[in-house]
Amino acid sequence: MNTSINIGLIASGAGIQEATLSSVSIQNGYQLKKVLINDALPARMAETKYPGAELVEGLNAILHDDSINLVVLAGNAGSDLNLIKQVSDAGKYVRII
């Protein structure tokens, strides 16, 4: 059975590294569905790095999307305990990179 795992990406802080899905991840059913745009990851950069992903301006667009199973926190977002708690409380798995 092939099950798709939808991902929401939240990045913050200076010097964030690009989070990418390898071809192996895509073959295994992972799909980057939404990307939160902000000062660290402006829309123009996000459009280039993550074509096909929906760009959203508010955290709730990711937290309240029942189709998103996993939220990836990149950069300083991974050290924000309040953000980690919000994602967890929304019933999502959290991956920090």
PDB file of N, CA and C in Angstrom:
ATOM      1  N   MET A   1       0.849  -1.180   0.000  1.00  0.00           N
ATOM      2  CA  MET A   1       0.000   0.000   0.000  1.00  0.00           C
ATOM      3  C   MET A   1       0.890   1.237   0.000  1.00  0.00           C
ATOM      4  N   ASN A   2       0.640   2.163  -0.898  1.00  0.00           N
ATOM      5  CA  ASN A   2       1.391   3.408  -0.978  1.00  0.00           C
ATOM      6  C   ASN A   2       0.652   4.498  -0.237  1.00  0.00           C
ATOM      7  N   THR A   3       1.249   5.022   0.802  1.00  0.00           N
ATOM      8  CA  THR A   3       0.652   6.091   1.572  1.00  0.00           C
ATOM      9  C   THR A   3       1.506   7.333   1.410  1.00  0.00           C
ATOM     10  N   SER A   4       0.881   8.442   1.084  1.00  0.00           N
ATOM     11  CA  SER A   4       1.595   9.697   0.931  1.00  0.00           C
ATOM     12  C   SER A   4       1.734  10.371   2.286  1.00  0.00           C
ATOM     13  N   ILE A   5       2.928  10.860   2.572  1.00  0.00           N
ATOM     14  CA  ILE A   5       3.189  11.603   3.798  1.00  0.00           C
ATOM     15  C   ILE A   5       3.433  13.047   3.386  1.00  0.00           C
ATOM     16  N   ASN A   6       2.512  13.918   3.760  1.00  0.00           N
ATOM     17  CA  ASN A   6       2.602  15.325   3.397  1.00  0.00           C
ATOM     18  C   ASN A   6       3.389  16.091   4.447  1.00  0.00           C
ATOM     19  N   ILE A   7       4.239  16.987   3.977  1.00  0.00           N
ATOM     20  CA  ILE A   7       5.155  17.728   4.839  1.00  0.00           C
ATOM     21  C   ILE A   7       4.864  19.219   4.763  1.00  0.00           C
ATOM     22  N   GLY A   8       4.949  19.877   5.922  1.00  0.00           N
ATOM     23  CA  GLY A   8       4.952  21.326   6.007  1.00  0.00           C
ATOM     24  C   GLY A   8       6.337  21.757   6.455  1.00  0.00           C
ATOM     25  N   LEU A   9       6.899  22.780   5.843  1.00  0.00           N
ATOM     26  CA  LEU A   9       8.241  23.254   6.167  1.00  0.00           C
ATOM     27  C   LEU A   9       8.161  24.618   6.828  1.00  0.00           C
ATOM     28  N   ILE A  10       8.833  24.738   7.985  1.00  0.00           N
ATOM     29  CA  ILE A  10       8.943  26.015   8.689  1.00  0.00           C
ATOM     30  C   ILE A  10      10.431  26.269   8.904  1.00  0.00           C
ATOM     31  N   ALA A  11      10.931  27.380   8.365  1.00  0.00           N
ATOM     32  CA  ALA A  11      12.337  27.725   8.498  1.00  0.00           C
ATOM     33  C   ALA A  11      12.455  29.116   9.091  1.00  0.00           C
ATOM     34  N   SER A  12      13.469  29.315   9.914  1.00  0.00           N
ATOM     35  CA  SER A  12      13.697  30.651  10.464  1.00  0.00           C
ATOM     36  C   SER A  12      15.161  30.814  10.821  1.00  0.00           C
ATOM     37  N   GLY A  13      15.564  32.064  10.947  1.00  0.00           N
ATOM     38  CA  GLY A  13      16.918  32.375  11.365  1.00  0.00           C
ATOM     39  C   GLY A  13      17.847  32.601  10.189  1.00  0.00           C
ATOM     40  N   ALA A  14      18.897  33.329  10.458  1.00  0.00           N
ATOM     41  CA  ALA A  14      19.878  33.625   9.422  1.00  0.00           C
ATOM     42  C   ALA A  14      20.664  32.368   9.080  1.00  0.00           C
ATOM     43  N   GLY A  15      21.018  32.242   7.822  1.00  0.00           N
ATOM     44  CA  GLY A  15      21.879  31.147   7.398  1.00  0.00           C
ATOM     45  C   GLY A  15      21.212  29.788   7.369  1.00  0.00           C
ATOM     46  N   ILE A  16      19.901  29.745   7.175  1.00  0.00           N
ATOM     47  CA  ILE A  16      19.246  28.443   7.113  1.00  0.00           C
ATOM     48  C   ILE A  16      19.746  27.692   5.894  1.00  0.00           C
ATOM     49  N   GLN A  17      19.827  26.388   6.041  1.00  0.00           N
ATOM     50  CA  GLN A  17      20.232  25.562   4.918  1.00  0.00           C
ATOM     51  C   GLN A  17      18.998  25.059   4.202  1.00  0.00           C
ATOM     52  N   GLU A  18      19.144  24.858   2.926  1.00  0.00           N
ATOM     53  CA  GLU A  18      18.026  24.384   2.111  1.00  0.00           C
ATOM     54  C   GLU A  18      17.640  22.975   2.536  1.00  0.00           C
ATOM     55  N   ALA A  19      16.376  22.810   2.843  1.00  0.00           N
ATOM     56  CA  ALA A  19      15.846  21.485   3.152  1.00  0.00           C
ATOM     57  C   ALA A  19      15.292  20.919   1.861  1.00  0.00           C
ATOM     58  N   THR A  20      15.803  19.781   1.454  1.00  0.00           N
ATOM     59  CA  THR A  20      15.339  19.183   0.212  1.00  0.00           C
ATOM     60  C   THR A  20      14.875  17.765   0.455  1.00  0.00           C
ATOM     61  N   LEU A  21      14.007  17.311  -0.418  1.00  0.00           N
ATOM     62  CA  LEU A  21      13.581  15.922  -0.403  1.00  0.00           C
ATOM     63  C   LEU A  21      14.370  15.189  -1.468  1.00  0.00           C
ATOM     64  N   SER A  22      15.023  14.135  -1.068  1.00  0.00           N
ATOM     65  CA  SER A  22      15.761  13.345  -2.043  1.00  0.00           C
ATOM     66  C   SER A  22      14.794  12.542  -2.896  1.00  0.00           C
ATOM     67  N   SER A  23      15.288  12.023  -3.997  1.00  0.00           N
ATOM     68  CA  SER A  23      14.437  11.193  -4.849  1.00  0.00           C
ATOM     69  C   SER A  23      13.982   9.946  -4.107  1.00  0.00           C
ATOM     70  N   VAL A  24      14.790   9.458  -3.174  1.00  0.00           N
ATOM     71  CA  VAL A  24      14.394   8.299  -2.370  1.00  0.00           C
ATOM     72  C   VAL A  24      13.194   8.653  -1.509  1.00  0.00           C
ATOM     73  N   SER A  25      13.192   9.836  -0.894  1.00  0.00           N
ATOM     74  CA  SER A  25      12.057  10.264  -0.076  1.00  0.00           C
ATOM     75  C   SER A  25      10.796  10.378  -0.911  1.00  0.00           C
ATOM     76  N   ILE A  26      10.918  10.953  -2.091  1.00  0.00           N
ATOM     77  CA  ILE A  26       9.759  11.119  -2.959  1.00  0.00           C
ATOM     78  C   ILE A  26       9.228   9.752  -3.378  1.00  0.00           C
ATOM     79  N   GLN A  27      10.135   8.823  -3.693  1.00  0.00           N
ATOM     80  CA  GLN A  27       9.716   7.474  -4.065  1.00  0.00           C
ATOM     81  C   GLN A  27       9.017   6.780  -2.902  1.00  0.00           C
ATOM     82  N   ASN A  28       9.387   7.122  -1.694  1.00  0.00           N
ATOM     83  CA  ASN A  28       8.782   6.512  -0.510  1.00  0.00           C
ATOM     84  C   ASN A  28       7.516   7.226  -0.072  1.00  0.00           C
ATOM     85  N   GLY A  29       7.015   8.141  -0.869  1.00  0.00           N
ATOM     86  CA  GLY A  29       5.719   8.743  -0.606  1.00  0.00           C
ATOM     87  C   GLY A  29       5.724  10.064   0.139  1.00  0.00           C
ATOM     88  N   TYR A  30       6.880  10.685   0.337  1.00  0.00           N
ATOM     89  CA  TYR A  30       6.927  11.987   0.996  1.00  0.00           C
ATOM     90  C   TYR A  30       6.674  13.084  -0.031  1.00  0.00           C
ATOM     91  N   GLN A  31       5.883  14.083   0.362  1.00  0.00           N
ATOM     92  CA  GLN A  31       5.595  15.201  -0.540  1.00  0.00           C
ATOM     93  C   GLN A  31       5.606  16.497   0.260  1.00  0.00           C
ATOM     94  N   LEU A  32       6.395  17.467  -0.196  1.00  0.00           N
ATOM     95  CA  LEU A  32       6.409  18.782   0.431  1.00  0.00           C
ATOM     96  C   LEU A  32       5.163  19.519  -0.022  1.00  0.00           C
ATOM     97  N   LYS A  33       4.225  19.710   0.894  1.00  0.00           N
ATOM     98  CA  LYS A  33       2.933  20.294   0.539  1.00  0.00           C
ATOM     99  C   LYS A  33       2.892  21.801   0.764  1.00  0.00           C
ATOM    100  N   LYS A  34       3.361  22.265   1.936  1.00  0.00           N
ATOM    101  CA  LYS A  34       3.282  23.696   2.261  1.00  0.00           C
ATOM    102  C   LYS A  34       4.601  24.183   2.841  1.00  0.00           C
ATOM    103  N   VAL A  35       4.922  25.426   2.504  1.00  0.00           N
ATOM    104  CA  VAL A  35       6.122  26.082   3.012  1.00  0.00           C
ATOM    105  C   VAL A  35       5.705  27.418   3.606  1.00  0.00           C
ATOM    106  N   LEU A  36       6.094  27.648   4.853  1.00  0.00           N
ATOM    107  CA  LEU A  36       5.805  28.921   5.519  1.00  0.00           C
ATOM    108  C   LEU A  36       6.833  29.947   5.061  1.00  0.00           C
ATOM    109  N   ILE A  37       6.348  31.029   4.460  1.00  0.00           N
ATOM    110  CA  ILE A  37       7.273  32.084   4.044  1.00  0.00           C
ATOM    111  C   ILE A  37       7.387  33.111   5.169  1.00  0.00           C
ATOM    112  N   ASN A  38       8.589  33.653   5.317  1.00  0.00           N
ATOM    113  CA  ASN A  38       8.867  34.635   6.365  1.00  0.00           C
ATOM    114  C   ASN A  38      10.148  35.380   5.992  1.00  0.00           C
ATOM    115  N   ASP A  39      10.709  36.139   6.932  1.00  0.00           N
ATOM    116  CA  ASP A  39      11.926  36.905   6.644  1.00  0.00           C
ATOM    117  C   ASP A  39      13.097  36.001   6.265  1.00  0.00           C
ATOM    118  N   ALA A  40      13.183  34.825   6.902  1.00  0.00           N
ATOM    119  CA  ALA A  40      14.284  33.911   6.627  1.00  0.00           C
ATOM    120  C   ALA A  40      14.105  33.182   5.300  1.00  0.00           C
ATOM    121  N   LEU A  41      12.864  32.999   4.890  1.00  0.00           N
ATOM    122  CA  LEU A  41      12.561  32.294   3.646  1.00  0.00           C
ATOM    123  C   LEU A  41      11.482  33.062   2.888  1.00  0.00           C
ATOM    124  N   PRO A  42      11.886  34.130   2.183  1.00  0.00           N
ATOM    125  CA  PRO A  42      10.909  34.941   1.450  1.00  0.00           C
ATOM    126  C   PRO A  42      10.302  34.163   0.281  1.00  0.00           C
ATOM    127  N   ALA A  43       9.167  34.641  -0.197  1.00  0.00           N
ATOM    128  CA  ALA A  43       8.403  33.950  -1.240  1.00  0.00           C
ATOM    129  C   ALA A  43       9.241  33.664  -2.483  1.00  0.00           C
ATOM    130  N   ARG A  44       9.994  34.625  -2.940  1.00  0.00           N
ATOM    131  CA  ARG A  44      10.782  34.428  -4.170  1.00  0.00           C
ATOM    132  C   ARG A  44      11.770  33.270  -4.007  1.00  0.00           C
ATOM    133  N   MET A  45      12.437  33.202  -2.866  1.00  0.00           N
ATOM    134  CA  MET A  45      13.383  32.120  -2.615  1.00  0.00           C
ATOM    135  C   MET A  45      12.649  30.780  -2.495  1.00  0.00           C
ATOM    136  N   ALA A  46      11.529  30.786  -1.787  1.00  0.00           N
ATOM    137  CA  ALA A  46      10.758  29.553  -1.594  1.00  0.00           C
ATOM    138  C   ALA A  46      10.229  29.024  -2.918  1.00  0.00           C
ATOM    139  N   GLU A  47       9.761  29.910  -3.797  1.00  0.00           N
ATOM    140  CA  GLU A  47       9.259  29.484  -5.111  1.00  0.00           C
ATOM    141  C   GLU A  47      10.345  28.789  -5.914  1.00  0.00           C
ATOM    142  N   THR A  48      11.563  29.299  -5.808  1.00  0.00           N
ATOM    143  CA  THR A  48      12.684  28.723  -6.545  1.00  0.00           C
ATOM    144  C   THR A  48      13.113  27.382  -5.960  1.00  0.00           C
ATOM    145  N   LYS A  49      13.226  27.321  -4.644  1.00  0.00           N
ATOM    146  CA  LYS A  49      13.726  26.109  -3.988  1.00  0.00           C
ATOM    147  C   LYS A  49      12.688  25.002  -3.902  1.00  0.00           C
ATOM    148  N   TYR A  50      11.421  25.373  -3.810  1.00  0.00           N
ATOM    149  CA  TYR A  50      10.373  24.379  -3.569  1.00  0.00           C
ATOM    150  C   TYR A  50       9.233  24.517  -4.574  1.00  0.00           C
ATOM    151  N   PRO A  51       9.517  24.330  -5.858  1.00  0.00           N
ATOM    152  CA  PRO A  51       8.444  24.453  -6.853  1.00  0.00           C
ATOM    153  C   PRO A  51       7.378  23.387  -6.604  1.00  0.00           C
ATOM    154  N   GLY A  52       6.149  23.776  -6.749  1.00  0.00           N
ATOM    155  CA  GLY A  52       5.054  22.832  -6.547  1.00  0.00           C
ATOM    156  C   GLY A  52       4.482  22.842  -5.147  1.00  0.00           C
ATOM    157  N   ALA A  53       5.225  23.377  -4.188  1.00  0.00           N
ATOM    158  CA  ALA A  53       4.712  23.474  -2.818  1.00  0.00           C
ATOM    159  C   ALA A  53       3.873  24.743  -2.699  1.00  0.00           C
ATOM    160  N   GLU A  54       2.843  24.677  -1.887  1.00  0.00           N
ATOM    161  CA  GLU A  54       2.011  25.857  -1.631  1.00  0.00           C
ATOM    162  C   GLU A  54       2.726  26.750  -0.622  1.00  0.00           C
ATOM    163  N   LEU A  55       2.845  28.026  -0.930  1.00  0.00           N
ATOM    164  CA  LEU A  55       3.473  28.978  -0.020  1.00  0.00           C
ATOM    165  C   LEU A  55       2.395  29.595   0.847  1.00  0.00           C
ATOM    166  N   VAL A  56       2.618  29.580   2.164  1.00  0.00           N
ATOM    167  CA  VAL A  56       1.632  30.113   3.099  1.00  0.00           C
ATOM    168  C   VAL A  56       2.294  31.153   3.986  1.00  0.00           C
ATOM    169  N   GLU A  57       1.494  32.115   4.455  1.00  0.00           N
ATOM    170  CA  GLU A  57       2.026  33.207   5.265  1.00  0.00           C
ATOM    171  C   GLU A  57       1.786  33.031   6.752  1.00  0.00           C
ATOM    172  N   GLY A  58       0.931  32.115   7.132  1.00  0.00           N
ATOM    173  CA  GLY A  58       0.628  31.944   8.548  1.00  0.00           C
ATOM    174  C   GLY A  58       0.861  30.520   9.018  1.00  0.00           C
ATOM    175  N   LEU A  59       1.344  30.395  10.229  1.00  0.00           N
ATOM    176  CA  LEU A  59       1.614  29.093  10.832  1.00  0.00           C
ATOM    177  C   LEU A  59       0.373  28.207  10.856  1.00  0.00           C
ATOM    178  N   ASN A  60      -0.782  28.808  11.104  1.00  0.00           N
ATOM    179  CA  ASN A  60      -2.019  28.022  11.198  1.00  0.00           C
ATOM    180  C   ASN A  60      -2.369  27.306   9.902  1.00  0.00           C
ATOM    181  N   ALA A  61      -1.910  27.825   8.778  1.00  0.00           N
ATOM    182  CA  ALA A  61      -2.172  27.156   7.501  1.00  0.00           C
ATOM    183  C   ALA A  61      -1.521  25.778   7.458  1.00  0.00           C
ATOM    184  N   ILE A  62      -0.456  25.609   8.202  1.00  0.00           N
ATOM    185  CA  ILE A  62       0.200  24.302   8.305  1.00  0.00           C
ATOM    186  C   ILE A  62      -0.378  23.511   9.472  1.00  0.00           C
ATOM    187  N   LEU A  63      -0.516  24.160  10.623  1.00  0.00           N
ATOM    188  CA  LEU A  63      -0.974  23.447  11.820  1.00  0.00           C
ATOM    189  C   LEU A  63      -2.384  22.901  11.685  1.00  0.00           C
ATOM    190  N   HIS A  64      -3.259  23.618  10.986  1.00  0.00           N
ATOM    191  CA  HIS A  64      -4.659  23.203  10.889  1.00  0.00           C
ATOM    192  C   HIS A  64      -4.976  22.438   9.606  1.00  0.00           C
ATOM    193  N   ASP A  65      -3.964  22.085   8.857  1.00  0.00           N
ATOM    194  CA  ASP A  65      -4.167  21.296   7.638  1.00  0.00           C
ATOM    195  C   ASP A  65      -4.096  19.816   8.015  1.00  0.00           C
ATOM    196  N   ASP A  66      -5.241  19.157   8.000  1.00  0.00           N
ATOM    197  CA  ASP A  66      -5.310  17.754   8.411  1.00  0.00           C
ATOM    198  C   ASP A  66      -4.549  16.817   7.486  1.00  0.00           C
ATOM    199  N   SER A  67      -4.229  17.265   6.288  1.00  0.00           N
ATOM    200  CA  SER A  67      -3.507  16.393   5.365  1.00  0.00           C
ATOM    201  C   SER A  67      -2.002  16.393   5.619  1.00  0.00           C
ATOM    202  N   ILE A  68      -1.510  17.340   6.420  1.00  0.00           N
ATOM    203  CA  ILE A  68      -0.078  17.387   6.730  1.00  0.00           C
ATOM    204  C   ILE A  68       0.190  16.493   7.936  1.00  0.00           C
ATOM    205  N   ASN A  69       1.116  15.539   7.738  1.00  0.00           N
ATOM    206  CA  ASN A  69       1.462  14.575   8.775  1.00  0.00           C
ATOM    207  C   ASN A  69       2.731  14.951   9.523  1.00  0.00           C
ATOM    208  N   LEU A  70       3.642  15.623   8.837  1.00  0.00           N
ATOM    209  CA  LEU A  70       4.977  15.880   9.361  1.00  0.00           C
ATOM    210  C   LEU A  70       5.333  17.341   9.124  1.00  0.00           C
ATOM    211  N   VAL A  71       5.886  17.983  10.142  1.00  0.00           N
ATOM    212  CA  VAL A  71       6.360  19.358   9.996  1.00  0.00           C
ATOM    213  C   VAL A  71       7.869  19.346  10.209  1.00  0.00           C
ATOM    214  N   VAL A  72       8.588  19.859   9.219  1.00  0.00           N
ATOM    215  CA  VAL A  72      10.038  19.961   9.292  1.00  0.00           C
ATOM    216  C   VAL A  72      10.384  21.369   9.745  1.00  0.00           C
ATOM    217  N   LEU A  73      11.172  21.459  10.814  1.00  0.00           N
ATOM    218  CA  LEU A  73      11.629  22.743  11.343  1.00  0.00           C
ATOM    219  C   LEU A  73      13.101  22.897  10.983  1.00  0.00           C
ATOM    220  N   ALA A  74      13.433  23.958  10.257  1.00  0.00           N
ATOM    221  CA  ALA A  74      14.801  24.184   9.807  1.00  0.00           C
ATOM    222  C   ALA A  74      15.346  25.470  10.409  1.00  0.00           C
ATOM    223  N   GLY A  75      16.649  25.497  10.608  1.00  0.00           N
ATOM    224  CA  GLY A  75      17.293  26.683  11.160  1.00  0.00           C
ATOM    225  C   GLY A  75      16.927  26.885  12.617  1.00  0.00           C
ATOM    226  N   ASN A  76      16.749  28.146  13.008  1.00  0.00           N
ATOM    227  CA  ASN A  76      16.422  28.468  14.397  1.00  0.00           C
ATOM    228  C   ASN A  76      15.047  27.974  14.818  1.00  0.00           C
ATOM    229  N   ALA A  77      14.186  27.659  13.855  1.00  0.00           N
ATOM    230  CA  ALA A  77      12.857  27.151  14.198  1.00  0.00           C
ATOM    231  C   ALA A  77      12.970  25.881  15.031  1.00  0.00           C
ATOM    232  N   GLY A  78      14.025  25.105  14.811  1.00  0.00           N
ATOM    233  CA  GLY A  78      14.217  23.863  15.552  1.00  0.00           C
ATOM    234  C   GLY A  78      14.557  24.053  17.007  1.00  0.00           C
ATOM    235  N   SER A  79      14.968  25.251  17.396  1.00  0.00           N
ATOM    236  CA  SER A  79      15.291  25.496  18.802  1.00  0.00           C
ATOM    237  C   SER A  79      14.175  26.244  19.527  1.00  0.00           C
ATOM    238  N   ASP A  80      13.080  26.498  18.851  1.00  0.00           N
ATOM    239  CA  ASP A  80      11.941  27.206  19.430  1.00  0.00           C
ATOM    240  C   ASP A  80      11.005  26.189  20.083  1.00  0.00           C
ATOM    241  N   LEU A  81      11.156  26.003  21.390  1.00  0.00           N
ATOM    242  CA  LEU A  81      10.373  24.988  22.100  1.00  0.00           C
ATOM    243  C   LEU A  81       8.880  25.251  22.027  1.00  0.00           C
ATOM    244  N   ASN A  82       8.475  26.513  22.032  1.00  0.00           N
ATOM    245  CA  ASN A  82       7.057  26.841  21.915  1.00  0.00           C
ATOM    246  C   ASN A  82       6.510  26.381  20.561  1.00  0.00           C
ATOM    247  N   LEU A  83       7.276  26.595  19.510  1.00  0.00           N
ATOM    248  CA  LEU A  83       6.865  26.166  18.174  1.00  0.00           C
ATOM    249  C   LEU A  83       6.781  24.643  18.099  1.00  0.00           C
ATOM    250  N   ILE A  84       7.756  23.970  18.665  1.00  0.00           N
ATOM    251  CA  ILE A  84       7.741  22.503  18.686  1.00  0.00           C
ATOM    252  C   ILE A  84       6.500  22.009  19.409  1.00  0.00           C
ATOM    253  N   LYS A  85       6.155  22.630  20.522  1.00  0.00           N
ATOM    254  CA  LYS A  85       4.962  22.238  21.280  1.00  0.00           C
ATOM    255  C   LYS A  85       3.695  22.484  20.458  1.00  0.00           C
ATOM    256  N   GLN A  86       3.619  23.622  19.776  1.00  0.00           N
ATOM    257  CA  GLN A  86       2.439  23.919  18.949  1.00  0.00           C
ATOM    258  C   GLN A  86       2.252  22.869  17.854  1.00  0.00           C
ATOM    259  N   VAL A  87       3.338  22.495  17.217  1.00  0.00           N
ATOM    260  CA  VAL A  87       3.268  21.493  16.151  1.00  0.00           C
ATOM    261  C   VAL A  87       2.834  20.152  16.725  1.00  0.00           C
ATOM    262  N   SER A  88       3.426  19.783  17.839  1.00  0.00           N
ATOM    263  CA  SER A  88       3.078  18.516  18.493  1.00  0.00           C
ATOM    264  C   SER A  88       1.627  18.517  18.968  1.00  0.00           C
ATOM    265  N   ASP A  89       1.200  19.614  19.563  1.00  0.00           N
ATOM    266  CA  ASP A  89      -0.188  19.720  20.040  1.00  0.00           C
ATOM    267  C   ASP A  89      -1.192  19.656  18.887  1.00  0.00           C
ATOM    268  N   ALA A  90      -0.760  20.029  17.689  1.00  0.00           N
ATOM    269  CA  ALA A  90      -1.634  19.965  16.517  1.00  0.00           C
ATOM    270  C   ALA A  90      -1.719  18.543  15.955  1.00  0.00           C
ATOM    271  N   GLY A  91      -1.007  17.615  16.597  1.00  0.00           N
ATOM    272  CA  GLY A  91      -1.069  16.218  16.174  1.00  0.00           C
ATOM    273  C   GLY A  91      -0.137  15.869  15.029  1.00  0.00           C
ATOM    274  N   LYS A  92       0.892  16.680  14.837  1.00  0.00           N
ATOM    275  CA  LYS A  92       1.839  16.456  13.747  1.00  0.00           C
ATOM    276  C   LYS A  92       3.143  15.891  14.302  1.00  0.00           C
ATOM    277  N   TYR A  93       3.812  15.089  13.486  1.00  0.00           N
ATOM    278  CA  TYR A  93       5.165  14.666  13.815  1.00  0.00           C
ATOM    279  C   TYR A  93       6.086  15.842  13.535  1.00  0.00           C
ATOM    280  N   VAL A  94       7.196  15.928  14.278  1.00  0.00           N
ATOM    281  CA  VAL A  94       8.146  17.024  14.126  1.00  0.00           C
ATOM    282  C   VAL A  94       9.506  16.445  13.758  1.00  0.00           C
ATOM    283  N   ARG A  95      10.133  17.037  12.756  1.00  0.00           N
ATOM    284  CA  ARG A  95      11.500  16.679  12.378  1.00  0.00           C
ATOM    285  C   ARG A  95      12.301  17.963  12.388  1.00  0.00           C
ATOM    286  N   ILE A  96      13.413  17.976  13.121  1.00  0.00           N
ATOM    287  CA  ILE A  96      14.261  19.161  13.233  1.00  0.00           C
ATOM    288  C   ILE A  96      15.526  18.929  12.416  1.00  0.00           C
ATOM    289  N   ILE A  97      15.810  19.891  11.518  1.00  0.00           N
ATOM    290  CA  ILE A  97      17.040  19.778  10.723  1.00  0.00           C
ATOM    291  C   ILE A  97      17.869  21.030  10.864  1.00  0.00           C
TER     292      ILE A  97
END
